[in-house]
PDB file of N, CA and C in Angstrom:
ATOM      1  N   MET A   1     115.349 107.896 105.811  1.00  0.00           N
ATOM      2  CA  MET A   1     114.499 107.775 106.958  1.00  0.00           C
ATOM      3  C   MET A   1     113.649 108.893 107.478  1.00  0.00           C
ATOM      4  N   ASP A   2     112.076 108.936 107.533  1.00  0.00           N
ATOM      5  CA  ASP A   2     111.896 110.269 107.229  1.00  0.00           C
ATOM      6  C   ASP A   2     111.182 110.398 109.249  1.00  0.00           C
ATOM      7  N   LEU A   3     111.930 109.725 110.021  1.00  0.00           N
ATOM      8  CA  LEU A   3     111.276 109.606 111.259  1.00  0.00           C
ATOM      9  C   LEU A   3     112.002 109.997 112.487  1.00  0.00           C
ATOM     10  N   CYS A   4     111.392 111.048 113.520  1.00  0.00           N
ATOM     11  CA  CYS A   4     112.410 111.308 114.252  1.00  0.00           C
ATOM     12  C   CYS A   4     112.661 110.105 115.197  1.00  0.00           C
ATOM     13  N   GLN A   5     113.956 110.665 116.334  1.00  0.00           N
ATOM     14  CA  GLN A   5     114.155 109.594 117.284  1.00  0.00           C
ATOM     15  C   GLN A   5     113.342 108.933 117.821  1.00  0.00           C
ATOM     16  N   GLU A   6     112.331 110.110 118.417  1.00  0.00           N
ATOM     17  CA  GLU A   6     111.084 109.688 118.908  1.00  0.00           C
ATOM     18  C   GLU A   6     110.433 108.545 118.115  1.00  0.00           C
ATOM     19  N   CYS A   7     109.670 108.694 117.823  1.00  0.00           N
ATOM     20  CA  CYS A   7     109.401 107.772 116.149  1.00  0.00           C
ATOM     21  C   CYS A   7     109.772 106.941 115.886  1.00  0.00           C
ATOM     22  N   PHE A   8     110.721 106.624 115.348  1.00  0.00           N
ATOM     23  CA  PHE A   8     111.986 105.690 115.067  1.00  0.00           C
ATOM     24  C   PHE A   8     111.675 104.436 116.387  1.00  0.00           C
ATOM     25  N   GLU A   9     111.909 105.499 117.465  1.00  0.00           N
ATOM     26  CA  GLU A   9     112.012 104.660 118.744  1.00  0.00           C
ATOM     27  C   GLU A   9     110.731 103.666 119.060  1.00  0.00           C
ATOM     28  N   ALA A  10     109.656 104.612 118.946  1.00  0.00           N
ATOM     29  CA  ALA A  10     108.122 103.733 119.564  1.00  0.00           C
ATOM     30  C   ALA A  10     108.118 103.002 118.230  1.00  0.00           C
ATOM     31  N   SER A  11     108.703 103.134 117.174  1.00  0.00           N
ATOM     32  CA  SER A  11     108.392 101.918 115.633  1.00  0.00           C
ATOM     33  C   SER A  11     108.568 100.418 116.063  1.00  0.00           C
ATOM     34  N   GLY A  12     109.068  99.905 116.940  1.00  0.00           N
ATOM     35  CA  GLY A  12     109.931  98.610 117.777  1.00  0.00           C
ATOM     36  C   GLY A  12     110.598  97.666 117.355  1.00  0.00           C
ATOM     37  N   LEU A  13     111.619  99.104 116.269  1.00  0.00           N
ATOM     38  CA  LEU A  13     113.060  98.710 115.929  1.00  0.00           C
ATOM     39  C   LEU A  13     113.818  98.270 117.150  1.00  0.00           C
ATOM     40  N   GLU A  14     114.688  96.956 117.275  1.00  0.00           N
ATOM     41  CA  GLU A  14     115.655  96.511 117.582  1.00  0.00           C
ATOM     42  C   GLU A  14     116.720  97.286 117.370  1.00  0.00           C
ATOM     43  N   GLY A  15     117.076  98.120 119.040  1.00  0.00           N
ATOM     44  CA  GLY A  15     118.230  98.897 118.746  1.00  0.00           C
ATOM     45  C   GLY A  15     118.201 100.279 118.351  1.00  0.00           C
ATOM     46  N   ALA A  16     116.572 100.734 118.154  1.00  0.00           N
ATOM     47  CA  ALA A  16     116.348 102.086 117.994  1.00  0.00           C
ATOM     48  C   ALA A  16     117.428 103.008 119.242  1.00  0.00           C
ATOM     49  N   ALA A  17     117.256 102.650 120.119  1.00  0.00           N
ATOM     50  CA  ALA A  17     117.661 103.923 120.853  1.00  0.00           C
ATOM     51  C   ALA A  17     118.905 103.686 120.631  1.00  0.00           C
ATOM     52  N   ASP A  18     120.032 102.828 120.014  1.00  0.00           N
ATOM     53  CA  ASP A  18     121.262 102.989 119.279  1.00  0.00           C
ATOM     54  C   ASP A  18     121.543 103.391 118.194  1.00  0.00           C
ATOM     55  N   LEU A  19     120.373 103.839 117.396  1.00  0.00           N
ATOM     56  CA  LEU A  19     120.518 104.152 116.131  1.00  0.00           C
ATOM     57  C   LEU A  19     121.916 105.232 115.586  1.00  0.00           C
ATOM     58  N   PRO A  20     122.095 106.174 116.635  1.00  0.00           N
ATOM     59  CA  PRO A  20     123.421 107.113 116.440  1.00  0.00           C
ATOM     60  C   PRO A  20     124.608 106.228 116.613  1.00  0.00           C
ATOM     61  N   ALA A  21     124.823 104.880 116.943  1.00  0.00           N
ATOM     62  CA  ALA A  21     125.945 104.500 117.111  1.00  0.00           C
ATOM     63  C   ALA A  21     125.732 103.062 116.202  1.00  0.00           C
ATOM     64  N   VAL A  22     124.576 102.842 114.976  1.00  0.00           N
ATOM     65  CA  VAL A  22     124.800 101.925 114.711  1.00  0.00           C
ATOM     66  C   VAL A  22     124.890 102.483 112.891  1.00  0.00           C
ATOM     67  N   LEU A  23     124.221 103.877 113.249  1.00  0.00           N
ATOM     68  CA  LEU A  23     125.055 104.821 111.949  1.00  0.00           C
ATOM     69  C   LEU A  23     126.482 105.032 111.747  1.00  0.00           C
ATOM     70  N   GLN A  24     126.999 105.774 112.924  1.00  0.00           N
ATOM     71  CA  GLN A  24     128.618 105.870 113.370  1.00  0.00           C
ATOM     72  C   GLN A  24     129.187 104.418 113.077  1.00  0.00           C
ATOM     73  N   ALA A  25     128.526 102.940 113.052  1.00  0.00           N
ATOM     74  CA  ALA A  25     129.292 102.276 112.838  1.00  0.00           C
ATOM     75  C   ALA A  25     129.750 101.637 111.732  1.00  0.00           C
ATOM     76  N   GLY A  26     128.359 102.442 110.868  1.00  0.00           N
ATOM     77  CA  GLY A  26     128.787 102.297 109.328  1.00  0.00           C
ATOM     78  C   GLY A  26     128.493 101.254 108.796  1.00  0.00           C
ATOM     79  N   CYS A  27     128.807 100.635 107.151  1.00  0.00           N
ATOM     80  CA  CYS A  27     128.499  99.212 106.737  1.00  0.00           C
ATOM     81  C   CYS A  27     128.635  98.350 107.454  1.00  0.00           C
ATOM     82  N   ARG A  28     127.904  97.615 107.077  1.00  0.00           N
ATOM     83  CA  ARG A  28     127.096  96.320 108.263  1.00  0.00           C
ATOM     84  C   ARG A  28     128.370  95.139 107.629  1.00  0.00           C
ATOM     85  N   PHE A  29     129.027  95.307 106.144  1.00  0.00           N
ATOM     86  CA  PHE A  29     130.181  94.576 105.540  1.00  0.00           C
ATOM     87  C   PHE A  29     131.423  95.007 105.804  1.00  0.00           C
ATOM     88  N   CYS A  30     132.025  96.260 105.378  1.00  0.00           N
ATOM     89  CA  CYS A  30     133.454  96.375 105.644  1.00  0.00           C
ATOM     90  C   CYS A  30     133.482  97.915 106.781  1.00  0.00           C
ATOM     91  N   GLY A  31     132.225  98.207 106.933  1.00  0.00           N
ATOM     92  CA  GLY A  31     132.737  99.387 108.328  1.00  0.00           C
ATOM     93  C   GLY A  31     132.634 101.157 107.509  1.00  0.00           C
ATOM     94  N   GLY A  32     132.725 100.679 106.251  1.00  0.00           N
ATOM     95  CA  GLY A  32     132.644 101.778 105.207  1.00  0.00           C
ATOM     96  C   GLY A  32     131.576 102.768 105.838  1.00  0.00           C
ATOM     97  N   GLU A  33     131.613 104.235 105.275  1.00  0.00           N
ATOM     98  CA  GLU A  33     130.456 105.452 105.923  1.00  0.00           C
ATOM     99  C   GLU A  33     129.074 104.583 105.417  1.00  0.00           C
ATOM    100  N   ALA A  34     128.465 104.800 105.987  1.00  0.00           N
ATOM    101  CA  ALA A  34     126.527 104.959 106.019  1.00  0.00           C
ATOM    102  C   ALA A  34     125.928 105.320 104.556  1.00  0.00           C
ATOM    103  N   TYR A  35     125.378 104.167 103.804  1.00  0.00           N
ATOM    104  CA  TYR A  35     124.887 105.421 102.256  1.00  0.00           C
ATOM    105  C   TYR A  35     123.397 105.091 102.635  1.00  0.00           C
ATOM    106  N   GLY A  36     122.893 104.204 102.980  1.00  0.00           N
ATOM    107  CA  GLY A  36     121.622 103.658 102.572  1.00  0.00           C
ATOM    108  C   GLY A  36     121.675 102.017 103.456  1.00  0.00           C
ATOM    109  N   GLY A  37     120.072 102.412 103.646  1.00  0.00           N
ATOM    110  CA  GLY A  37     119.621 101.123 104.709  1.00  0.00           C
ATOM    111  C   GLY A  37     118.268 100.797 104.715  1.00  0.00           C
ATOM    112  N   GLY A  38     118.365  99.686 105.383  1.00  0.00           N
ATOM    113  CA  GLY A  38     116.479  99.318 105.260  1.00  0.00           C
ATOM    114  C   GLY A  38     116.510  97.986 106.490  1.00  0.00           C
ATOM    115  N   PHE A  39     115.749  97.033 106.717  1.00  0.00           N
ATOM    116  CA  PHE A  39     115.896  96.077 107.682  1.00  0.00           C
ATOM    117  C   PHE A  39     116.265  95.178 107.054  1.00  0.00           C
ATOM    118  N   ASP A  40     117.547  94.733 107.756  1.00  0.00           N
ATOM    119  CA  ASP A  40     118.598  93.391 107.552  1.00  0.00           C
ATOM    120  C   ASP A  40     117.360  92.166 106.983  1.00  0.00           C
ATOM    121  N   SER A  41     117.404  91.525 105.873  1.00  0.00           N
ATOM    122  CA  SER A  41     116.575  90.679 105.501  1.00  0.00           C
ATOM    123  C   SER A  41     116.634  89.271 106.220  1.00  0.00           C
ATOM    124  N   LEU A  42     118.316  89.239 106.546  1.00  0.00           N
ATOM    125  CA  LEU A  42     118.005  87.584 107.127  1.00  0.00           C
ATOM    126  C   LEU A  42     117.594  87.406 108.821  1.00  0.00           C
ATOM    127  N   ALA A  43     118.027  88.473 109.473  1.00  0.00           N
ATOM    128  CA  ALA A  43     116.767  89.179 110.846  1.00  0.00           C
ATOM    129  C   ALA A  43     115.466  89.250 110.453  1.00  0.00           C
ATOM    130  N   LEU A  44     115.095  89.405 109.876  1.00  0.00           N
ATOM    131  CA  LEU A  44     113.785  89.792 109.152  1.00  0.00           C
ATOM    132  C   LEU A  44     113.206  88.297 109.002  1.00  0.00           C
ATOM    133  N   LEU A  45     113.743  87.789 108.640  1.00  0.00           N
ATOM    134  CA  LEU A  45     113.194  85.653 108.544  1.00  0.00           C
ATOM    135  C   LEU A  45     113.183  85.100 110.471  1.00  0.00           C
ATOM    136  N   GLY A  46     114.188  85.898 110.823  1.00  0.00           N
ATOM    137  CA  GLY A  46     113.808  84.998 111.800  1.00  0.00           C
ATOM    138  C   GLY A  46     113.098  85.773 113.123  1.00  0.00           C
ATOM    139  N   GLY A  47     111.930  87.079 112.301  1.00  0.00           N
ATOM    140  CA  GLY A  47     111.227  88.009 113.347  1.00  0.00           C
ATOM    141  C   GLY A  47     111.745  88.493 113.672  1.00  0.00           C
ATOM    142  N   VAL A  48     112.958  89.192 113.489  1.00  0.00           N
ATOM    143  CA  VAL A  48     113.847  90.696 114.137  1.00  0.00           C
ATOM    144  C   VAL A  48     113.659  91.442 113.596  1.00  0.00           C
ATOM    145  N   ARG A  49     113.032  93.087 113.703  1.00  0.00           N
ATOM    146  CA  ARG A  49     113.464  93.965 112.516  1.00  0.00           C
ATOM    147  C   ARG A  49     114.641  94.839 113.274  1.00  0.00           C
ATOM    148  N   LYS A  50     115.409  94.564 112.576  1.00  0.00           N
ATOM    149  CA  LYS A  50     116.857  95.052 112.721  1.00  0.00           C
ATOM    150  C   LYS A  50     117.157  96.205 111.791  1.00  0.00           C
ATOM    151  N   MET A  51     117.967  97.304 111.843  1.00  0.00           N
ATOM    152  CA  MET A  51     118.214  98.183 110.619  1.00  0.00           C
ATOM    153  C   MET A  51     119.941  97.433 110.374  1.00  0.00           C
ATOM    154  N   SER A  52     119.820  97.767 109.227  1.00  0.00           N
ATOM    155  CA  SER A  52     120.852  97.498 108.724  1.00  0.00           C
ATOM    156  C   SER A  52     121.812  98.515 107.797  1.00  0.00           C
ATOM    157  N   PHE A  53     122.568  98.840 107.642  1.00  0.00           N
ATOM    158  CA  PHE A  53     123.630 100.077 106.729  1.00  0.00           C
ATOM    159  C   PHE A  53     124.473  99.429 105.891  1.00  0.00           C
ATOM    160  N   MET A  54     124.681  99.729 104.627  1.00  0.00           N
ATOM    161  CA  MET A  54     125.835  99.230 104.108  1.00  0.00           C
ATOM    162  C   MET A  54     126.633 101.005 103.317  1.00  0.00           C
ATOM    163  N   CYS A  55     127.611 100.819 102.826  1.00  0.00           N
ATOM    164  CA  CYS A  55     128.489 102.066 102.083  1.00  0.00           C
ATOM    165  C   CYS A  55     127.868 101.520 100.653  1.00  0.00           C
ATOM    166  N   LYS A  56     128.000 102.809  99.712  1.00  0.00           N
ATOM    167  CA  LYS A  56     127.883 102.877  98.432  1.00  0.00           C
ATOM    168  C   LYS A  56     128.675 101.550  97.464  1.00  0.00           C
ATOM    169  N   PRO A  57     129.554 101.095  97.412  1.00  0.00           N
ATOM    170  CA  PRO A  57     130.366  99.971  96.989  1.00  0.00           C
ATOM    171  C   PRO A  57     129.624  98.583  97.613  1.00  0.00           C
ATOM    172  N   CYS A  58     129.012  98.466  99.200  1.00  0.00           N
ATOM    173  CA  CYS A  58     128.666  96.838  99.048  1.00  0.00           C
ATOM    174  C   CYS A  58     127.224  97.307  98.989  1.00  0.00           C
ATOM    175  N   SER A  59     126.600  98.448  98.880  1.00  0.00           N
ATOM    176  CA  SER A  59     125.490  98.346  98.640  1.00  0.00           C
ATOM    177  C   SER A  59     125.321  98.388  96.879  1.00  0.00           C
ATOM    178  N   ASP A  60     126.078  98.309  96.088  1.00  0.00           N
ATOM    179  CA  ASP A  60     125.727  98.022  94.567  1.00  0.00           C
ATOM    180  C   ASP A  60     126.319  96.651  94.449  1.00  0.00           C
ATOM    181  N   GLU A  61     127.255  95.869  95.522  1.00  0.00           N
ATOM    182  CA  GLU A  61     127.200  94.312  95.088  1.00  0.00           C
ATOM    183  C   GLU A  61     126.269  93.156  95.577  1.00  0.00           C
ATOM    184  N   TYR A  62     125.830  94.265  96.788  1.00  0.00           N
ATOM    185  CA  TYR A  62     124.727  93.414  97.195  1.00  0.00           C
ATOM    186  C   TYR A  62     123.377  93.536  96.561  1.00  0.00           C
ATOM    187  N   TYR A  63     123.141  94.450  96.218  1.00  0.00           N
ATOM    188  CA  TYR A  63     122.418  94.169  94.909  1.00  0.00           C
ATOM    189  C   TYR A  63     122.291  93.514  93.494  1.00  0.00           C
ATOM    190  N   GLY A  64     123.581  94.158  92.919  1.00  0.00           N
ATOM    191  CA  GLY A  64     124.120  93.652  91.799  1.00  0.00           C
ATOM    192  C   GLY A  64     123.683  91.719  92.357  1.00  0.00           C
ATOM    193  N   PHE A  65     124.373  91.232  93.252  1.00  0.00           N
ATOM    194  CA  PHE A  65     123.781  89.698  93.245  1.00  0.00           C
ATOM    195  C   PHE A  65     122.676  89.438  93.455  1.00  0.00           C
ATOM    196  N   LEU A  66     122.060  90.125  94.237  1.00  0.00           N
ATOM    197  CA  LEU A  66     120.459  89.651  94.333  1.00  0.00           C
ATOM    198  C   LEU A  66     119.892  89.850  92.982  1.00  0.00           C
ATOM    199  N   ARG A  67     120.250  90.696  91.881  1.00  0.00           N
ATOM    200  CA  ARG A  67     119.422  90.773  90.101  1.00  0.00           C
ATOM    201  C   ARG A  67     120.362  89.488  89.754  1.00  0.00           C
ATOM    202  N   LEU A  68     121.388  89.294  90.082  1.00  0.00           N
ATOM    203  CA  LEU A  68     121.936  88.092  89.290  1.00  0.00           C
ATOM    204  C   LEU A  68     121.061  87.014  89.727  1.00  0.00           C
ATOM    205  N   LYS A  69     120.826  86.571  90.923  1.00  0.00           N
ATOM    206  CA  LYS A  69     120.386  85.328  91.577  1.00  0.00           C
ATOM    207  C   LYS A  69     118.841  85.727  91.096  1.00  0.00           C
ATOM    208  N   LEU A  70     118.080  86.931  91.236  1.00  0.00           N
ATOM    209  CA  LEU A  70     117.041  87.045  91.315  1.00  0.00           C
ATOM    210  C   LEU A  70     115.844  88.053  89.998  1.00  0.00           C
ATOM    211  N   PRO A  71     116.535  87.703  88.567  1.00  0.00           N
ATOM    212  CA  PRO A  71     116.525  88.744  87.467  1.00  0.00           C
ATOM    213  C   PRO A  71     115.078  89.407  87.792  1.00  0.00           C
ATOM    214  N   GLY A  72     115.168  90.650  87.201  1.00  0.00           N
ATOM    215  CA  GLY A  72     114.185  91.274  87.283  1.00  0.00           C
ATOM    216  C   GLY A  72     113.731  92.507  88.652  1.00  0.00           C
ATOM    217  N   PHE A  73     114.951  91.893  88.959  1.00  0.00           N
ATOM    218  CA  PHE A  73     114.923  92.447  91.099  1.00  0.00           C
ATOM    219  C   PHE A  73     115.069  93.419  90.621  1.00  0.00           C
ATOM    220  N   GLY A  74     114.560  94.780  91.676  1.00  0.00           N
ATOM    221  CA  GLY A  74     114.707  96.116  91.700  1.00  0.00           C
ATOM    222  C   GLY A  74     114.252  96.857  89.550  1.00  0.00           C
ATOM    223  N   ASP A  75     113.784  96.370  89.187  1.00  0.00           N
ATOM    224  CA  ASP A  75     113.311  97.003  87.728  1.00  0.00           C
ATOM    225  C   ASP A  75     112.330  97.659  88.208  1.00  0.00           C
ATOM    226  N   GLY A  76     112.316  98.789  88.009  1.00  0.00           N
ATOM    227  CA  GLY A  76     110.497  99.382  88.356  1.00  0.00           C
ATOM    228  C   GLY A  76     109.855 100.162  87.402  1.00  0.00           C
ATOM    229  N   ASP A  77     110.183  99.715  85.955  1.00  0.00           N
ATOM    230  CA  ASP A  77     109.524  99.738  84.737  1.00  0.00           C
ATOM    231  C   ASP A  77     108.631  98.706  84.104  1.00  0.00           C
ATOM    232  N   LEU A  78     108.617  97.285  85.309  1.00  0.00           N
ATOM    233  CA  LEU A  78     107.761  96.376  84.677  1.00  0.00           C
ATOM    234  C   LEU A  78     106.629  96.432  84.161  1.00  0.00           C
ATOM    235  N   THR A  79     105.630  95.793  83.315  1.00  0.00           N
ATOM    236  CA  THR A  79     104.525  96.151  83.537  1.00  0.00           C
ATOM    237  C   THR A  79     103.617  95.215  84.397  1.00  0.00           C
ATOM    238  N   GLU A  80     102.596  95.010  84.481  1.00  0.00           N
ATOM    239  CA  GLU A  80     101.278  94.299  85.859  1.00  0.00           C
ATOM    240  C   GLU A  80     101.886  92.781  85.572  1.00  0.00           C
ATOM    241  N   GLU A  81     101.933  92.503  84.233  1.00  0.00           N
ATOM    242  CA  GLU A  81     101.903  91.320  84.142  1.00  0.00           C
ATOM    243  C   GLU A  81     103.687  90.622  84.214  1.00  0.00           C
ATOM    244  N   GLN A  82     104.215  91.616  83.721  1.00  0.00           N
ATOM    245  CA  GLN A  82     105.591  91.572  83.935  1.00  0.00           C
ATOM    246  C   GLN A  82     106.000  90.941  85.980  1.00  0.00           C
ATOM    247  N   MET A  83     105.674  92.132  86.452  1.00  0.00           N
ATOM    248  CA  MET A  83     105.362  92.191  87.714  1.00  0.00           C
ATOM    249  C   MET A  83     104.933  91.029  88.736  1.00  0.00           C
ATOM    250  N   ALA A  84     104.044  90.326  88.032  1.00  0.00           N
ATOM    251  CA  ALA A  84     103.126  88.742  88.540  1.00  0.00           C
ATOM    252  C   ALA A  84     103.779  88.231  88.350  1.00  0.00           C
ATOM    253  N   MET A  85     104.393  87.690  86.820  1.00  0.00           N
ATOM    254  CA  MET A  85     105.348  86.714  86.654  1.00  0.00           C
ATOM    255  C   MET A  85     106.633  86.702  87.614  1.00  0.00           C
ATOM    256  N   LEU A  86     107.027  87.697  87.669  1.00  0.00           N
ATOM    257  CA  LEU A  86     108.429  88.083  89.118  1.00  0.00           C
ATOM    258  C   LEU A  86     107.808  88.050  90.094  1.00  0.00           C
ATOM    259  N   VAL A  87     106.558  88.135  90.908  1.00  0.00           N
ATOM    260  CA  VAL A  87     106.437  87.995  91.981  1.00  0.00           C
ATOM    261  C   VAL A  87     106.670  86.793  92.023  1.00  0.00           C
ATOM    262  N   ALA A  88     105.365  85.735  91.540  1.00  0.00           N
ATOM    263  CA  ALA A  88     105.586  84.270  91.494  1.00  0.00           C
ATOM    264  C   ALA A  88     107.184  83.487  91.557  1.00  0.00           C
ATOM    265  N   GLU A  89     107.556  83.953  90.558  1.00  0.00           N
ATOM    266  CA  GLU A  89     109.033  83.576  90.603  1.00  0.00           C
ATOM    267  C   GLU A  89     109.984  83.894  91.978  1.00  0.00           C
ATOM    268  N   PHE A  90     109.677  84.743  92.810  1.00  0.00           N
ATOM    269  CA  PHE A  90     110.505  84.886  94.060  1.00  0.00           C
ATOM    270  C   PHE A  90     109.895  83.942  95.253  1.00  0.00           C
ATOM    271  N   LYS A  91     108.126  83.750  94.795  1.00  0.00           N
ATOM    272  CA  LYS A  91     107.734  82.724  95.661  1.00  0.00           C
ATOM    273  C   LYS A  91     107.822  81.389  95.854  1.00  0.00           C
ATOM    274  N   SER A  92     108.323  81.322  94.372  1.00  0.00           N
ATOM    275  CA  SER A  92     108.947  79.936  94.729  1.00  0.00           C
ATOM    276  C   SER A  92     110.177  79.676  93.914  1.00  0.00           C
ATOM    277  N   CYS A  93     111.074  80.415  94.860  1.00  0.00           N
ATOM    278  CA  CYS A  93     112.348  80.219  94.835  1.00  0.00           C
ATOM    279  C   CYS A  93     112.799  80.116  96.408  1.00  0.00           C
ATOM    280  N   ASP A  94     113.809  79.756  97.305  1.00  0.00           N
ATOM    281  CA  ASP A  94     114.013  79.066  98.143  1.00  0.00           C
ATOM    282  C   ASP A  94     114.989  80.486  98.465  1.00  0.00           C
ATOM    283  N   PHE A  95     114.210  81.744  98.854  1.00  0.00           N
ATOM    284  CA  PHE A  95     114.487  82.661  99.249  1.00  0.00           C
ATOM    285  C   PHE A  95     115.659  82.960 100.330  1.00  0.00           C
ATOM    286  N   PRO A  96     115.276  82.268 101.141  1.00  0.00           N
ATOM    287  CA  PRO A  96     116.497  82.084 102.793  1.00  0.00           C
ATOM    288  C   PRO A  96     117.571  81.723 102.480  1.00  0.00           C
ATOM    289  N   ALA A  97     117.666  80.486 101.083  1.00  0.00           N
ATOM    290  CA  ALA A  97     119.264  80.194 100.849  1.00  0.00           C
ATOM    291  C   ALA A  97     119.709  81.092 100.222  1.00  0.00           C
ATOM    292  N   ILE A  98     119.389  81.789  99.427  1.00  0.00           N
ATOM    293  CA  ILE A  98     119.421  83.189  98.522  1.00  0.00           C
ATOM    294  C   ILE A  98     120.284  83.652  99.318  1.00  0.00           C
ATOM    295  N   LEU A  99     119.514  84.344 100.558  1.00  0.00           N
ATOM    296  CA  LEU A  99     120.132  85.164 101.079  1.00  0.00           C
ATOM    297  C   LEU A  99     121.208  84.710 101.721  1.00  0.00           C
ATOM    298  N   VAL A 100     121.398  83.766 102.799  1.00  0.00           N
ATOM    299  CA  VAL A 100     122.444  83.040 102.835  1.00  0.00           C
ATOM    300  C   VAL A 100     123.408  83.423 102.253  1.00  0.00           C
ATOM    301  N   GLU A 101     123.324  82.361 100.473  1.00  0.00           N
ATOM    302  CA  GLU A 101     124.371  82.903  99.566  1.00  0.00           C
ATOM    303  C   GLU A 101     124.836  84.248  99.440  1.00  0.00           C
ATOM    304  N   LEU A 102     124.017  85.150  99.910  1.00  0.00           N
ATOM    305  CA  LEU A 102     124.445  86.588  99.187  1.00  0.00           C
ATOM    306  C   LEU A 102     125.383  86.724 100.462  1.00  0.00           C
ATOM    307  N   GLU A 103     124.868  86.385 101.739  1.00  0.00           N
ATOM    308  CA  GLU A 103     125.542  87.117 102.694  1.00  0.00           C
ATOM    309  C   GLU A 103     127.144  86.889 103.108  1.00  0.00           C
ATOM    310  N   ASP A 104     127.226  85.312 102.590  1.00  0.00           N
ATOM    311  CA  ASP A 104     128.549  84.764 102.503  1.00  0.00           C
ATOM    312  C   ASP A 104     129.419  85.335 101.146  1.00  0.00           C
ATOM    313  N   HIS A 105     128.441  85.276 100.346  1.00  0.00           N
ATOM    314  CA  HIS A 105     129.446  86.531  99.047  1.00  0.00           C
ATOM    315  C   HIS A 105     130.083  87.438  99.149  1.00  0.00           C
ATOM    316  N   MET A 106     129.696  88.444 100.533  1.00  0.00           N
ATOM    317  CA  MET A 106     129.442  89.970 101.140  1.00  0.00           C
ATOM    318  C   MET A 106     130.495  89.529 101.411  1.00  0.00           C
ATOM    319  N   LYS A 107     130.554  89.147 101.999  1.00  0.00           N
ATOM    320  CA  LYS A 107     132.137  88.277 103.159  1.00  0.00           C
ATOM    321  C   LYS A 107     133.128  88.193 102.281  1.00  0.00           C
ATOM    322  N   LYS A 108     133.190  87.328 101.424  1.00  0.00           N
ATOM    323  CA  LYS A 108     134.170  87.130 100.637  1.00  0.00           C
ATOM    324  C   LYS A 108     134.750  88.108  99.771  1.00  0.00           C
ATOM    325  N   TRP A 109     133.455  88.958  99.209  1.00  0.00           N
ATOM    326  CA  TRP A 109     134.298  90.334  98.573  1.00  0.00           C
ATOM    327  C   TRP A 109     134.306  91.191  99.216  1.00  0.00           C
ATOM    328  N   VAL A 110     133.973  91.386 100.226  1.00  0.00           N
ATOM    329  CA  VAL A 110     134.425  92.328 101.054  1.00  0.00           C
ATOM    330  C   VAL A 110     136.235  92.241 101.358  1.00  0.00           C
ATOM    331  N   ALA A 111     136.408  90.472 101.926  1.00  0.00           N
ATOM    332  CA  ALA A 111     137.732  90.107 101.997  1.00  0.00           C
ATOM    333  C   ALA A 111     138.836  90.169 101.215  1.00  0.00           C
ATOM    334  N   GLU A 112     138.404  90.073  99.750  1.00  0.00           N
ATOM    335  CA  GLU A 112     139.067  89.999  98.384  1.00  0.00           C
ATOM    336  C   GLU A 112     139.399  91.372  98.305  1.00  0.00           C
ATOM    337  N   ARG A 113     138.538  92.495  98.585  1.00  0.00           N
ATOM    338  CA  ARG A 113     138.757  93.615  98.081  1.00  0.00           C
ATOM    339  C   ARG A 113     139.836  94.670  99.157  1.00  0.00           C
ATOM    340  N   HIS A 114     139.287  93.647 100.418  1.00  0.00           N
ATOM    341  CA  HIS A 114     140.596  94.216 101.217  1.00  0.00           C
ATOM    342  C   HIS A 114     141.961  94.067 101.221  1.00  0.00           C
ATOM    343  N   SER A 115     141.333  93.080 100.775  1.00  0.00           N
ATOM    344  CA  SER A 115     143.178  92.355 100.568  1.00  0.00           C
ATOM    345  C   SER A 115     144.106  92.787  99.255  1.00  0.00           C
ATOM    346  N   GLN A 116     143.605  93.742  98.575  1.00  0.00           N
ATOM    347  CA  GLN A 116     144.062  93.600  97.187  1.00  0.00           C
ATOM    348  C   GLN A 116     144.511  95.063  97.266  1.00  0.00           C
TER     349      GLN A 116
END
């Protein structure tokens, strides 16, 4: 993120004033050190712009799961035709259901990881 605190707060993000606390809380799934972040996809579906952070292992698992459900997701070297087909496929799938399944998967994955 390349915004100063003042610009970030002006962006209208929920809880922007609490950004340092959110970062300190770490990964939204396991509490580990924040590695990367963005908007919480499930919150966005509800119309809420809320930041979400994940640690490296949770981020890898999260995006790996999405790539299994949505082949081609995250591929940066697609042709224009491949990108158009991928966008059409994404539009035809039940993305909210995939996100709910993803959230459930992550909770189970973190629980199993911490029980070992």
